[in-house]
Amino acid sequence: MKKAINIRLDEDLLFDLDSYAKELDRTRTYIIEKAVSTYFDTLDEMISDKRIDEVKKGNIEVFSLEQVASQLGLS
């Protein structure tokens, strides 16, 4: 189910959005959905990098598979 949201865009960005939508015969919504969906891959990488940095700094405790299995009584 889709839900409506309100966003504010710079006029130049909105112009580009409309140009792409017209050229591709798609709606603004379609273009924005695709752009956000694609950007999620970038955000996933950013979050992964942040978590790796936290592990390297020792701020996050890491457990081996064997430790987790043992704790869950699976070994």
N, C-alpha and C. Protein backbone atom coordinates (compact mmCIF):
# COMPACT_ATOMS: atom_id res chain seq x y z
N MET A 1 0.84 -1.17 0.00
CA MET A 1 0.00 0.00 0.00
C MET A 1 0.89 1.25 0.00
N LYS A 2 0.59 2.15 -0.86
CA LYS A 2 1.35 3.40 -0.94
C LYS A 2 0.74 4.44 -0.02
N LYS A 3 1.62 5.27 0.54
CA LYS A 3 1.18 6.38 1.38
C LYS A 3 1.75 7.66 0.81
N ALA A 4 0.99 8.70 0.90
CA ALA A 4 1.43 10.01 0.40
C ALA A 4 2.33 10.69 1.42
N ILE A 5 3.37 11.37 0.91
CA ILE A 5 4.23 12.20 1.74
C ILE A 5 4.41 13.53 1.04
N ASN A 6 4.83 14.51 1.79
CA ASN A 6 5.13 15.82 1.21
C ASN A 6 6.62 16.06 1.32
N ILE A 7 7.23 16.50 0.23
CA ILE A 7 8.64 16.86 0.25
C ILE A 7 8.82 18.20 -0.44
N ARG A 8 9.90 18.86 -0.09
CA ARG A 8 10.26 20.11 -0.73
C ARG A 8 11.53 19.87 -1.52
N LEU A 9 11.52 20.29 -2.76
CA LEU A 9 12.69 20.14 -3.62
C LEU A 9 13.12 21.48 -4.17
N ASP A 10 14.41 21.62 -4.34
CA ASP A 10 14.95 22.79 -4.99
C ASP A 10 14.36 22.87 -6.40
N GLU A 11 14.10 24.05 -6.88
CA GLU A 11 13.47 24.22 -8.20
C GLU A 11 14.27 23.55 -9.31
N ASP A 12 15.58 23.64 -9.25
CA ASP A 12 16.41 23.01 -10.28
C ASP A 12 16.27 21.49 -10.25
N LEU A 13 16.22 20.93 -9.05
CA LEU A 13 16.05 19.48 -8.91
C LEU A 13 14.68 19.05 -9.42
N LEU A 14 13.67 19.84 -9.12
CA LEU A 14 12.33 19.53 -9.59
C LEU A 14 12.26 19.62 -11.12
N PHE A 15 12.94 20.59 -11.67
CA PHE A 15 12.99 20.71 -13.13
C PHE A 15 13.62 19.46 -13.75
N ASP A 16 14.74 19.03 -13.16
CA ASP A 16 15.39 17.81 -13.66
C ASP A 16 14.49 16.59 -13.50
N LEU A 17 13.83 16.50 -12.38
CA LEU A 17 12.91 15.38 -12.13
C LEU A 17 11.82 15.35 -13.20
N ASP A 18 11.23 16.48 -13.45
CA ASP A 18 10.18 16.55 -14.47
C ASP A 18 10.71 16.23 -15.87
N SER A 19 11.93 16.67 -16.15
CA SER A 19 12.53 16.37 -17.45
C SER A 19 12.74 14.87 -17.64
N TYR A 20 13.27 14.22 -16.60
CA TYR A 20 13.46 12.76 -16.69
C TYR A 20 12.12 12.05 -16.81
N ALA A 21 11.16 12.47 -16.02
CA ALA A 21 9.85 11.82 -16.05
C ALA A 21 9.21 11.95 -17.42
N LYS A 22 9.32 13.14 -18.01
CA LYS A 22 8.74 13.35 -19.33
C LYS A 22 9.46 12.50 -20.38
N GLU A 23 10.79 12.52 -20.34
CA GLU A 23 11.58 11.77 -21.32
C GLU A 23 11.30 10.27 -21.25
N LEU A 24 11.12 9.76 -20.04
CA LEU A 24 10.89 8.33 -19.85
C LEU A 24 9.41 7.95 -19.84
N ASP A 25 8.55 8.96 -19.98
CA ASP A 25 7.10 8.74 -19.92
C ASP A 25 6.71 8.04 -18.62
N ARG A 26 7.23 8.58 -17.53
CA ARG A 26 6.96 8.06 -16.19
C ARG A 26 6.50 9.21 -15.30
N THR A 27 5.98 8.85 -14.14
CA THR A 27 5.53 9.88 -13.19
C THR A 27 6.68 10.32 -12.30
N ARG A 28 6.50 11.45 -11.66
CA ARG A 28 7.46 11.90 -10.65
C ARG A 28 7.61 10.83 -9.59
N THR A 29 6.49 10.29 -9.16
CA THR A 29 6.50 9.27 -8.11
C THR A 29 7.37 8.09 -8.51
N TYR A 30 7.23 7.62 -9.74
CA TYR A 30 8.01 6.48 -10.21
C TYR A 30 9.51 6.79 -10.13
N ILE A 31 9.89 7.96 -10.62
CA ILE A 31 11.31 8.34 -10.64
C ILE A 31 11.83 8.45 -9.21
N ILE A 32 11.08 9.07 -8.33
CA ILE A 32 11.52 9.23 -6.94
C ILE A 32 11.63 7.88 -6.25
N GLU A 33 10.65 7.00 -6.47
CA GLU A 33 10.70 5.66 -5.86
C GLU A 33 11.96 4.91 -6.31
N LYS A 34 12.26 4.97 -7.60
CA LYS A 34 13.44 4.29 -8.12
C LYS A 34 14.72 4.89 -7.55
N ALA A 35 14.76 6.20 -7.46
CA ALA A 35 15.94 6.88 -6.93
C ALA A 35 16.17 6.51 -5.46
N VAL A 36 15.13 6.53 -4.67
CA VAL A 36 15.25 6.20 -3.25
C VAL A 36 15.65 4.74 -3.09
N SER A 37 15.01 3.87 -3.83
CA SER A 37 15.33 2.44 -3.76
C SER A 37 16.79 2.19 -4.11
N THR A 38 17.28 2.83 -5.14
CA THR A 38 18.68 2.69 -5.53
C THR A 38 19.61 3.24 -4.47
N TYR A 39 19.23 4.34 -3.86
CA TYR A 39 20.09 4.97 -2.84
C TYR A 39 20.17 4.11 -1.58
N PHE A 40 19.18 3.26 -1.34
CA PHE A 40 19.24 2.36 -0.18
C PHE A 40 20.48 1.49 -0.23
N ASP A 41 20.93 1.08 -1.42
CA ASP A 41 22.15 0.29 -1.54
C ASP A 41 23.35 1.08 -1.02
N THR A 42 23.40 2.36 -1.34
CA THR A 42 24.47 3.22 -0.85
C THR A 42 24.39 3.37 0.66
N LEU A 43 23.18 3.56 1.18
CA LEU A 43 23.01 3.69 2.62
C LEU A 43 23.41 2.41 3.35
N ASP A 44 23.09 1.26 2.78
CA ASP A 44 23.50 -0.02 3.37
C ASP A 44 25.02 -0.09 3.49
N GLU A 45 25.72 0.34 2.44
CA GLU A 45 27.18 0.34 2.47
C GLU A 45 27.71 1.30 3.54
N MET A 46 27.09 2.47 3.65
CA MET A 46 27.51 3.44 4.65
C MET A 46 27.34 2.90 6.07
N ILE A 47 26.21 2.23 6.31
CA ILE A 47 25.95 1.65 7.62
C ILE A 47 26.93 0.52 7.90
N SER A 48 27.20 -0.31 6.90
CA SER A 48 28.16 -1.40 7.07
C SER A 48 29.54 -0.85 7.42
N ASP A 49 29.97 0.17 6.71
CA ASP A 49 31.27 0.79 6.99
C ASP A 49 31.32 1.34 8.41
N LYS A 50 30.24 1.97 8.83
CA LYS A 50 30.17 2.53 10.18
C LYS A 50 30.27 1.43 11.22
N ARG A 51 29.55 0.33 11.01
CA ARG A 51 29.59 -0.79 11.96
C ARG A 51 30.97 -1.44 12.00
N ILE A 52 31.61 -1.58 10.85
CA ILE A 52 32.97 -2.14 10.82
C ILE A 52 33.92 -1.24 11.59
N ASP A 53 33.81 0.06 11.42
CA ASP A 53 34.65 1.00 12.16
C ASP A 53 34.43 0.86 13.66
N GLU A 54 33.18 0.68 14.08
CA GLU A 54 32.87 0.51 15.50
C GLU A 54 33.47 -0.78 16.06
N VAL A 55 33.44 -1.84 15.27
CA VAL A 55 34.05 -3.11 15.68
C VAL A 55 35.56 -2.92 15.83
N LYS A 56 36.18 -2.27 14.84
CA LYS A 56 37.62 -2.05 14.87
C LYS A 56 38.04 -1.22 16.08
N LYS A 57 37.20 -0.27 16.48
CA LYS A 57 37.49 0.58 17.64
C LYS A 57 37.24 -0.14 18.95
N GLY A 58 36.59 -1.30 18.88
CA GLY A 58 36.29 -2.05 20.09
C GLY A 58 35.02 -1.58 20.79
N ASN A 59 34.21 -0.81 20.09
CA ASN A 59 32.97 -0.28 20.68
C ASN A 59 31.81 -1.26 20.60
N ILE A 60 31.97 -2.31 19.81
CA ILE A 60 30.92 -3.31 19.63
C ILE A 60 31.54 -4.68 19.89
N GLU A 61 30.86 -5.47 20.71
CA GLU A 61 31.36 -6.82 20.99
C GLU A 61 30.93 -7.76 19.87
N VAL A 62 31.85 -8.59 19.43
CA VAL A 62 31.60 -9.52 18.34
C VAL A 62 31.66 -10.94 18.89
N PHE A 63 30.74 -11.78 18.44
CA PHE A 63 30.68 -13.16 18.89
C PHE A 63 30.85 -14.09 17.70
N SER A 64 31.58 -15.17 17.90
CA SER A 64 31.74 -16.15 16.84
C SER A 64 30.47 -16.98 16.71
N LEU A 65 30.35 -17.67 15.59
CA LEU A 65 29.21 -18.55 15.37
C LEU A 65 29.16 -19.62 16.46
N GLU A 66 30.30 -20.14 16.84
CA GLU A 66 30.36 -21.16 17.88
C GLU A 66 29.86 -20.63 19.21
N GLN A 67 30.22 -19.39 19.54
CA GLN A 67 29.75 -18.78 20.78
C GLN A 67 28.23 -18.61 20.78
N VAL A 68 27.69 -18.17 19.68
CA VAL A 68 26.24 -17.98 19.57
C VAL A 68 25.52 -19.31 19.67
N ALA A 69 26.03 -20.31 18.94
CA ALA A 69 25.41 -21.64 18.98
C ALA A 69 25.45 -22.21 20.39
N SER A 70 26.58 -22.04 21.08
CA SER A 70 26.70 -22.53 22.44
C SER A 70 25.72 -21.83 23.37
N GLN A 71 25.63 -20.52 23.24
CA GLN A 71 24.71 -19.75 24.08
C GLN A 71 23.26 -20.16 23.86
N LEU A 72 22.93 -20.55 22.64
CA LEU A 72 21.57 -20.97 22.31
C LEU A 72 21.35 -22.45 22.56
N GLY A 73 22.39 -23.12 23.01
CA GLY A 73 22.29 -24.55 23.29
C GLY A 73 22.21 -25.40 22.02
N LEU A 74 22.83 -24.93 20.96
CA LEU A 74 22.78 -25.64 19.68
C LEU A 74 24.02 -26.45 19.38
N SER A 75 24.99 -26.40 20.30
CA SER A 75 26.24 -27.13 20.02
C SER A 75 26.28 -28.48 20.69
